């Protein structure tokens, strides 16, 4: 979903709604957005020790 409200000749309010299936990091780098994929966190269940 994308929405934009033009405020004047130089500015606008913009909304972007994304259904993401992976973790990403978005950084504003001097006015340009840089989006990087980041690794998933470790599964905490893998580190739990269980005994039967």
Protein backbone atom coordinates (compact mmCIF):
# COMPACT_ATOMS: atom_id res chain seq x y z
CA UNK A 1 0.00 0.00 0.00
CA UNK A 2 1.35 3.43 -0.93
CA UNK A 3 -0.10 6.77 0.07
CA UNK A 4 1.19 10.27 -0.60
CA UNK A 5 -0.16 13.65 0.46
CA UNK A 6 1.44 16.53 -1.42
CA UNK A 7 1.98 19.37 1.06
CA UNK A 8 3.55 21.88 -1.33
CA UNK A 9 5.93 21.98 -4.32
CA UNK A 10 8.85 20.70 -2.21
CA UNK A 11 7.38 18.39 0.45
CA UNK A 12 5.02 15.44 0.79
CA UNK A 13 3.90 13.03 3.49
CA UNK A 14 4.52 9.50 2.22
CA UNK A 15 3.42 6.19 3.71
CA UNK A 16 4.59 2.81 2.40
CA UNK A 17 3.12 -0.35 3.93
CA UNK A 18 5.10 -3.52 3.13
CA UNK A 19 4.45 -7.11 4.12
CA UNK A 20 8.03 -8.24 4.68
CA UNK A 21 9.06 -11.82 5.19
CA UNK A 22 12.64 -11.13 6.27
CA UNK A 23 14.37 -8.78 8.68
CA UNK A 24 15.85 -5.68 7.11
CA UNK A 25 17.63 -2.59 8.36
CA UNK A 26 16.74 0.72 6.66
CA UNK A 27 19.17 3.62 7.19
CA UNK A 28 18.83 7.20 5.94
CA UNK A 29 22.29 7.87 4.48
CA UNK A 30 22.47 11.58 3.63
CA UNK A 31 18.94 11.66 2.22
CA UNK A 32 19.09 8.28 0.46
CA UNK A 33 17.60 5.17 2.02
CA UNK A 34 19.88 2.14 2.23
CA UNK A 35 18.13 -1.17 2.96
CA UNK A 36 20.18 -4.18 4.08
CA UNK A 37 19.12 -7.71 4.90
CA UNK A 38 20.14 -8.78 8.40
CA UNK A 39 20.44 -12.29 9.76
CA UNK A 40 17.71 -13.83 11.84
CA UNK A 41 18.29 -14.05 15.58
CA UNK A 42 19.39 -17.37 17.03
CA UNK A 43 16.60 -19.71 18.00
CA UNK A 44 16.62 -19.73 21.84
CA UNK A 45 15.21 -23.28 21.89
CA UNK A 46 18.44 -24.54 20.28
CA UNK A 47 20.39 -23.46 23.36
CA UNK A 48 18.06 -24.87 26.02
CA UNK A 49 19.29 -28.09 27.58
CA UNK A 50 16.63 -30.65 28.29
CA UNK A 51 16.87 -34.06 29.91
CA UNK A 52 14.41 -36.88 29.83
